[in-house]
Amino acid sequence: MKVTIEEHPPITLGNNGMLIRIRDEDGTNLGKLWIGQATVRWARGSVHERNAKRLSVQEFVTYLNNLP
């Protein structure tokens, strides 16, 4: 699968992917989301990357498509 970031210029993700930190309005760390060519990883709070939940990009897309 090819994952790109639609910015100008477009960026193609490499093997390490991209890290997105997610915080609430008060700045509290809710977790980290890594999006790569083959996998999506989620680590809630300050959980280390090696303990993150992992899905293939295809599984992630299927999951999102099945949401009501």
N, C-alpha and C. Protein backbone atom coordinates (compact mmCIF):
# COMPACT_ATOMS: atom_id res chain seq x y z
N MET A 1 0.83 -1.16 0.00
CA MET A 1 0.00 0.00 0.00
C MET A 1 0.88 1.24 0.00
N LYS A 2 0.44 2.28 -0.66
CA LYS A 2 1.20 3.53 -0.71
C LYS A 2 0.46 4.55 0.14
N VAL A 3 1.15 5.12 1.10
CA VAL A 3 0.56 6.12 1.98
C VAL A 3 1.25 7.44 1.71
N THR A 4 0.48 8.48 1.40
CA THR A 4 1.05 9.80 1.16
C THR A 4 0.36 10.82 2.05
N ILE A 5 1.04 11.91 2.28
CA ILE A 5 0.49 13.03 3.02
C ILE A 5 0.19 14.09 1.98
N GLU A 6 -1.04 14.48 1.91
CA GLU A 6 -1.46 15.42 0.87
C GLU A 6 -1.15 16.86 1.27
N GLU A 7 0.08 17.19 1.20
CA GLU A 7 0.57 18.54 1.43
C GLU A 7 1.25 18.99 0.15
N HIS A 8 1.73 20.19 0.16
CA HIS A 8 2.44 20.69 -1.02
C HIS A 8 3.88 20.93 -0.65
N PRO A 9 4.83 20.17 -1.13
CA PRO A 9 4.70 19.03 -2.05
C PRO A 9 4.27 17.77 -1.30
N PRO A 10 3.66 16.79 -2.00
CA PRO A 10 3.28 15.52 -1.36
C PRO A 10 4.49 14.80 -0.79
N ILE A 11 4.28 14.10 0.32
CA ILE A 11 5.35 13.37 0.99
C ILE A 11 4.99 11.89 0.97
N THR A 12 5.91 11.04 0.51
CA THR A 12 5.71 9.60 0.58
C THR A 12 6.37 9.09 1.85
N LEU A 13 5.61 8.31 2.62
CA LEU A 13 6.14 7.81 3.88
C LEU A 13 7.16 6.72 3.63
N GLY A 14 8.24 6.74 4.39
CA GLY A 14 9.26 5.71 4.29
C GLY A 14 8.95 4.56 5.24
N ASN A 15 9.95 3.76 5.53
CA ASN A 15 9.77 2.60 6.40
C ASN A 15 9.35 2.98 7.82
N ASN A 16 9.82 4.10 8.32
CA ASN A 16 9.50 4.51 9.68
C ASN A 16 8.14 5.18 9.80
N GLY A 17 7.57 5.60 8.68
CA GLY A 17 6.27 6.24 8.72
C GLY A 17 6.30 7.61 9.36
N MET A 18 5.14 8.03 9.85
CA MET A 18 4.99 9.34 10.46
C MET A 18 4.36 9.18 11.83
N LEU A 19 4.87 9.92 12.79
CA LEU A 19 4.34 9.91 14.15
C LEU A 19 3.41 11.10 14.33
N ILE A 20 2.20 10.83 14.82
CA ILE A 20 1.24 11.89 15.13
C ILE A 20 0.94 11.79 16.63
N ARG A 21 1.25 12.83 17.37
CA ARG A 21 0.94 12.88 18.80
C ARG A 21 -0.44 13.48 18.96
N ILE A 22 -1.25 12.87 19.82
CA ILE A 22 -2.61 13.33 20.02
C ILE A 22 -2.77 13.78 21.46
N ARG A 23 -3.20 15.01 21.63
CA ARG A 23 -3.38 15.60 22.95
C ARG A 23 -4.78 16.22 23.04
N ASP A 24 -5.29 16.32 24.26
CA ASP A 24 -6.59 16.98 24.42
C ASP A 24 -6.39 18.49 24.47
N GLU A 25 -7.47 19.23 24.67
CA GLU A 25 -7.42 20.69 24.65
C GLU A 25 -6.51 21.26 25.74
N ASP A 26 -6.34 20.50 26.83
CA ASP A 26 -5.48 20.96 27.92
C ASP A 26 -4.02 20.57 27.74
N GLY A 27 -3.72 19.87 26.66
CA GLY A 27 -2.35 19.45 26.39
C GLY A 27 -1.98 18.10 26.98
N THR A 28 -2.96 17.41 27.58
CA THR A 28 -2.69 16.09 28.15
C THR A 28 -2.46 15.09 27.03
N ASN A 29 -1.40 14.30 27.14
CA ASN A 29 -1.05 13.32 26.11
C ASN A 29 -2.07 12.18 26.12
N LEU A 30 -2.80 12.01 25.01
CA LEU A 30 -3.75 10.91 24.89
C LEU A 30 -3.11 9.69 24.24
N GLY A 31 -2.10 9.93 23.40
CA GLY A 31 -1.42 8.81 22.77
C GLY A 31 -0.65 9.23 21.53
N LYS A 32 -0.09 8.21 20.89
CA LYS A 32 0.71 8.41 19.67
C LYS A 32 0.20 7.48 18.60
N LEU A 33 0.12 7.98 17.39
CA LEU A 33 -0.33 7.20 16.24
C LEU A 33 0.78 7.23 15.20
N TRP A 34 1.28 6.05 14.84
CA TRP A 34 2.28 5.94 13.78
C TRP A 34 1.58 5.40 12.55
N ILE A 35 1.77 6.06 11.42
CA ILE A 35 1.21 5.58 10.16
C ILE A 35 2.37 5.34 9.21
N GLY A 36 2.47 4.12 8.73
CA GLY A 36 3.55 3.76 7.83
C GLY A 36 3.03 3.15 6.54
N GLN A 37 3.93 2.66 5.73
CA GLN A 37 3.56 2.04 4.45
C GLN A 37 2.71 0.80 4.66
N ALA A 38 3.00 0.01 5.70
CA ALA A 38 2.34 -1.27 5.87
C ALA A 38 1.52 -1.38 7.15
N THR A 39 1.85 -0.58 8.18
CA THR A 39 1.17 -0.74 9.46
C THR A 39 0.73 0.60 10.05
N VAL A 40 -0.27 0.49 10.91
CA VAL A 40 -0.72 1.60 11.74
C VAL A 40 -0.55 1.13 13.18
N ARG A 41 0.09 1.95 14.02
CA ARG A 41 0.33 1.58 15.41
C ARG A 41 -0.24 2.67 16.31
N TRP A 42 -0.88 2.23 17.41
CA TRP A 42 -1.45 3.16 18.39
C TRP A 42 -0.92 2.83 19.77
N ALA A 43 -0.40 3.83 20.45
CA ALA A 43 0.07 3.67 21.83
C ALA A 43 -0.68 4.70 22.68
N ARG A 44 -1.53 4.20 23.56
CA ARG A 44 -2.32 5.06 24.43
C ARG A 44 -1.43 5.69 25.50
N GLY A 45 -1.65 6.97 25.77
CA GLY A 45 -0.87 7.67 26.80
C GLY A 45 0.61 7.64 26.49
N SER A 46 1.40 7.21 27.46
CA SER A 46 2.85 7.18 27.26
C SER A 46 3.37 5.75 27.09
N VAL A 47 2.53 4.86 26.59
CA VAL A 47 2.95 3.48 26.31
C VAL A 47 4.05 3.52 25.25
N HIS A 48 5.07 2.69 25.42
CA HIS A 48 6.19 2.65 24.48
C HIS A 48 5.75 2.06 23.14
N GLU A 49 6.42 2.46 22.08
CA GLU A 49 6.08 2.00 20.74
C GLU A 49 6.08 0.48 20.62
N ARG A 50 7.00 -0.19 21.29
CA ARG A 50 7.07 -1.66 21.16
C ARG A 50 5.82 -2.34 21.72
N ASN A 51 5.06 -1.65 22.59
CA ASN A 51 3.83 -2.20 23.15
C ASN A 51 2.57 -1.63 22.49
N ALA A 52 2.75 -0.92 21.40
CA ALA A 52 1.62 -0.31 20.70
C ALA A 52 0.76 -1.39 20.03
N LYS A 53 -0.52 -1.07 19.89
CA LYS A 53 -1.41 -1.96 19.14
C LYS A 53 -1.09 -1.77 17.66
N ARG A 54 -1.07 -2.88 16.92
CA ARG A 54 -0.67 -2.84 15.51
C ARG A 54 -1.75 -3.41 14.61
N LEU A 55 -1.96 -2.75 13.50
CA LEU A 55 -2.86 -3.21 12.45
C LEU A 55 -2.16 -2.99 11.11
N SER A 56 -2.47 -3.84 10.15
CA SER A 56 -1.99 -3.53 8.80
C SER A 56 -2.82 -2.34 8.30
N VAL A 57 -2.30 -1.64 7.33
CA VAL A 57 -3.05 -0.51 6.78
C VAL A 57 -4.39 -1.00 6.23
N GLN A 58 -4.40 -2.17 5.59
CA GLN A 58 -5.64 -2.72 5.05
C GLN A 58 -6.64 -3.02 6.17
N GLU A 59 -6.18 -3.60 7.28
CA GLU A 59 -7.06 -3.87 8.42
C GLU A 59 -7.62 -2.57 8.99
N PHE A 60 -6.79 -1.53 9.04
CA PHE A 60 -7.21 -0.23 9.54
C PHE A 60 -8.29 0.38 8.65
N VAL A 61 -8.09 0.30 7.34
CA VAL A 61 -9.08 0.83 6.40
C VAL A 61 -10.38 0.04 6.52
N THR A 62 -10.31 -1.28 6.62
CA THR A 62 -11.50 -2.11 6.78
C THR A 62 -12.24 -1.72 8.07
N TYR A 63 -11.49 -1.54 9.16
CA TYR A 63 -12.08 -1.15 10.43
C TYR A 63 -12.83 0.19 10.27
N LEU A 64 -12.20 1.17 9.65
CA LEU A 64 -12.84 2.47 9.47
C LEU A 64 -14.07 2.38 8.58
N ASN A 65 -13.99 1.58 7.52
CA ASN A 65 -15.14 1.42 6.63
C ASN A 65 -16.32 0.74 7.31
N ASN A 66 -16.07 -0.06 8.34
CA ASN A 66 -17.13 -0.77 9.04
C ASN A 66 -17.75 0.03 10.18
N LEU A 67 -17.22 1.22 10.45
CA LEU A 67 -17.82 2.06 11.49
C LEU A 67 -19.19 2.53 11.02
N PRO A 68 -20.14 2.66 11.97
CA PRO A 68 -21.48 3.12 11.57
C PRO A 68 -21.49 4.55 11.08
